[in-house]
Amino acid sequence: MGMQVGEKSSKLNSEINITPLADVMLVLLIIVMLIAPLLQAGVTLTLPEASNTSDKPDNDNNTVVAVTADGRYFVDNVQTPETELLAAINRALDRKFERILLIKGDVNAQYGAVMDLMDSLQRAGIENIGLITEREIGGVAGG
């Protein structure tokens, strides 16, 4: 509680000082803003590099299928057996506004695993497919 300044009476000020409350709320807001992106890390993959990539955000609006180096499949960060893969992909696409499927293939994943996935998707009638890669760090030599 604070004292009133300027008056000669010894009455206590009964108003709430909101400065400490505002300080605490701003600190909590900063913490939430820093931690929230770290919670959505997803499946850890080493993506192949490509020079002709465009920035496509990996967010909740997209359905993402990840293929790991040891041949496991993840649909929207949920591990899915290969036998249930198409059903899980169709369920995930039905929940989303855009029916676009993005494939994240680990650089050490077998080529055949990614190609089998793409072949299965084509046979299932899923045609809007994209591949997620990392932007090449070095410049491309002109040729």
Protein backbone atom coordinates (compact mmCIF):
# COMPACT_ATOMS: atom_id res chain seq x y z
CA MET A 1 0.00 0.00 0.00
CA GLY A 2 1.20 3.46 -0.76
CA MET A 3 0.85 6.80 0.92
CA GLN A 4 -0.74 9.77 -0.78
CA VAL A 5 1.75 12.45 -1.61
CA GLY A 6 0.84 16.09 -1.28
CA GLU A 7 -1.78 15.86 1.45
CA LYS A 8 -0.96 16.27 5.09
CA SER A 9 -3.33 13.57 6.26
CA SER A 10 -2.00 10.18 7.23
CA LYS A 11 -4.68 8.21 5.36
CA LEU A 12 -3.52 5.12 3.51
CA ASN A 13 -4.12 4.84 -0.22
CA SER A 14 -6.49 1.93 -0.85
CA GLU A 15 -6.00 1.84 -4.65
CA ILE A 16 -4.37 -1.21 -6.20
CA ASN A 17 -0.93 -0.68 -7.71
CA ILE A 18 -1.02 -2.63 -10.99
CA THR A 19 2.60 -2.00 -12.01
CA PRO A 20 3.91 -5.29 -10.50
CA LEU A 21 0.98 -7.16 -12.03
CA ALA A 22 1.75 -5.70 -15.47
CA ASP A 23 5.44 -6.62 -15.08
CA VAL A 24 4.62 -10.21 -14.20
CA MET A 25 2.15 -10.51 -17.08
CA LEU A 26 4.68 -9.17 -19.60
CA VAL A 27 7.31 -11.64 -18.39
CA LEU A 28 4.82 -14.51 -18.70
CA LEU A 29 3.87 -13.35 -22.20
CA ILE A 30 7.52 -13.31 -23.27
CA ILE A 31 8.08 -16.79 -21.86
CA VAL A 32 5.04 -18.18 -23.69
CA MET A 33 6.13 -16.54 -26.95
CA LEU A 34 9.59 -18.12 -26.67
CA ILE A 35 8.49 -21.59 -25.58
CA ALA A 36 5.48 -22.14 -27.88
CA PRO A 37 7.47 -22.66 -31.12
CA LEU A 38 9.75 -25.15 -29.36
CA LEU A 39 6.81 -27.35 -28.38
CA GLN A 40 5.86 -27.97 -32.02
CA ALA A 41 9.17 -29.52 -33.03
CA GLY A 42 7.69 -32.70 -34.53
CA VAL A 43 9.74 -35.56 -35.95
CA THR A 44 13.50 -35.01 -36.03
CA LEU A 45 14.74 -35.45 -39.59
CA THR A 46 17.75 -34.39 -41.61
CA LEU A 47 16.16 -33.03 -44.76
CA PRO A 48 17.94 -33.07 -48.12
CA GLU A 49 19.14 -29.73 -49.48
CA ALA A 50 17.86 -28.19 -52.70
CA SER A 51 18.60 -24.88 -54.38
CA ASN A 52 15.17 -24.29 -55.91
CA THR A 53 13.01 -24.38 -52.77
CA SER A 54 10.30 -21.98 -51.73
CA ASP A 55 9.34 -21.22 -48.17
CA LYS A 56 6.31 -23.30 -47.25
CA PRO A 57 5.50 -23.16 -43.55
CA ASP A 58 5.14 -26.44 -41.71
CA ASN A 59 2.05 -25.66 -39.65
CA ASP A 60 -1.28 -27.14 -38.61
CA ASN A 61 -2.97 -26.27 -41.92
CA ASN A 62 -0.83 -28.80 -43.80
CA THR A 63 -0.89 -32.58 -43.62
CA VAL A 64 2.70 -33.77 -43.30
CA VAL A 65 3.95 -37.34 -43.74
CA ALA A 66 7.48 -37.91 -42.46
CA VAL A 67 9.66 -40.84 -43.52
CA THR A 68 12.55 -41.48 -41.13
CA ALA A 69 15.92 -43.00 -41.92
CA ASP A 70 14.89 -46.30 -40.30
CA GLY A 71 11.71 -46.56 -42.41
CA ARG A 72 9.08 -45.39 -39.90
CA TYR A 73 6.17 -43.23 -41.05
CA PHE A 74 4.63 -40.31 -39.16
CA VAL A 75 1.35 -38.65 -40.17
CA ASP A 76 1.13 -35.20 -38.54
CA ASN A 77 3.79 -36.24 -35.99
CA VAL A 78 1.94 -39.44 -35.01
CA GLN A 79 3.77 -42.69 -35.76
CA THR A 80 1.67 -44.81 -38.12
CA PRO A 81 2.25 -48.40 -39.27
CA GLU A 82 2.65 -48.83 -43.01
CA THR A 83 -0.50 -50.95 -43.20
CA GLU A 84 -2.64 -48.09 -41.81
CA LEU A 85 -0.82 -45.29 -43.60
CA LEU A 86 -3.35 -44.46 -46.33
CA ALA A 87 -6.28 -44.54 -43.92
CA ALA A 88 -4.46 -42.20 -41.51
CA ILE A 89 -3.52 -39.84 -44.36
CA ASN A 90 -7.11 -39.71 -45.62
CA ARG A 91 -8.41 -39.01 -42.10
CA ALA A 92 -5.85 -36.22 -41.69
CA LEU A 93 -6.70 -34.71 -45.09
CA ASP A 94 -10.43 -34.80 -44.29
CA ARG A 95 -9.82 -32.73 -41.12
CA LYS A 96 -7.94 -30.00 -43.02
CA PHE A 97 -9.26 -27.22 -45.21
CA GLU A 98 -6.55 -27.74 -47.87
CA ARG A 99 -6.13 -31.24 -49.26
CA ILE A 100 -2.40 -30.80 -49.81
CA LEU A 101 0.00 -33.44 -48.57
CA LEU A 102 3.62 -32.60 -47.80
CA ILE A 103 6.26 -35.32 -47.59
CA LYS A 104 9.34 -34.93 -45.40
CA GLY A 105 11.86 -37.60 -46.25
CA ASP A 106 15.03 -37.97 -44.21
CA VAL A 107 18.19 -37.61 -46.29
CA ASN A 108 19.18 -41.13 -45.14
CA ALA A 109 15.76 -42.69 -45.81
CA GLN A 110 15.66 -45.36 -48.48
CA TYR A 111 14.66 -44.02 -51.86
CA GLY A 112 12.30 -46.94 -52.28
CA ALA A 113 10.36 -46.08 -49.10
CA VAL A 114 9.59 -42.56 -50.35
CA MET A 115 8.75 -43.80 -53.85
CA ASP A 116 6.46 -46.54 -52.48
CA LEU A 117 4.68 -43.88 -50.43
CA MET A 118 4.24 -41.61 -53.46
CA ASP A 119 3.03 -44.55 -55.58
CA SER A 120 0.47 -45.53 -52.92
CA LEU A 121 -0.73 -41.93 -52.70
CA GLN A 122 -1.16 -41.73 -56.47
CA ARG A 123 -3.15 -44.99 -56.55
CA ALA A 124 -5.34 -43.63 -53.71
CA GLY A 125 -6.15 -40.54 -55.78
CA ILE A 126 -4.16 -38.04 -53.71
CA GLU A 127 -2.55 -35.75 -56.28
CA ASN A 128 -1.62 -32.53 -54.44
CA ILE A 129 1.72 -33.65 -53.06
CA GLY A 130 4.77 -31.58 -52.17
CA LEU A 131 8.25 -32.47 -50.96
CA ILE A 132 9.83 -30.52 -48.10
CA THR A 133 13.56 -29.84 -48.35
CA GLU A 134 16.06 -27.52 -46.71
CA ARG A 135 17.32 -24.50 -48.61
CA GLU A 136 20.87 -25.05 -49.86
CA ILE A 137 23.26 -23.00 -47.72
CA GLY A 138 25.96 -22.38 -50.33
CA GLY A 139 25.39 -20.73 -53.67
CA VAL A 140 24.78 -22.77 -56.78
CA ALA A 141 27.52 -22.70 -59.37
CA GLY A 142 26.18 -21.32 -62.63
CA GLY A 143 26.41 -23.58 -65.62
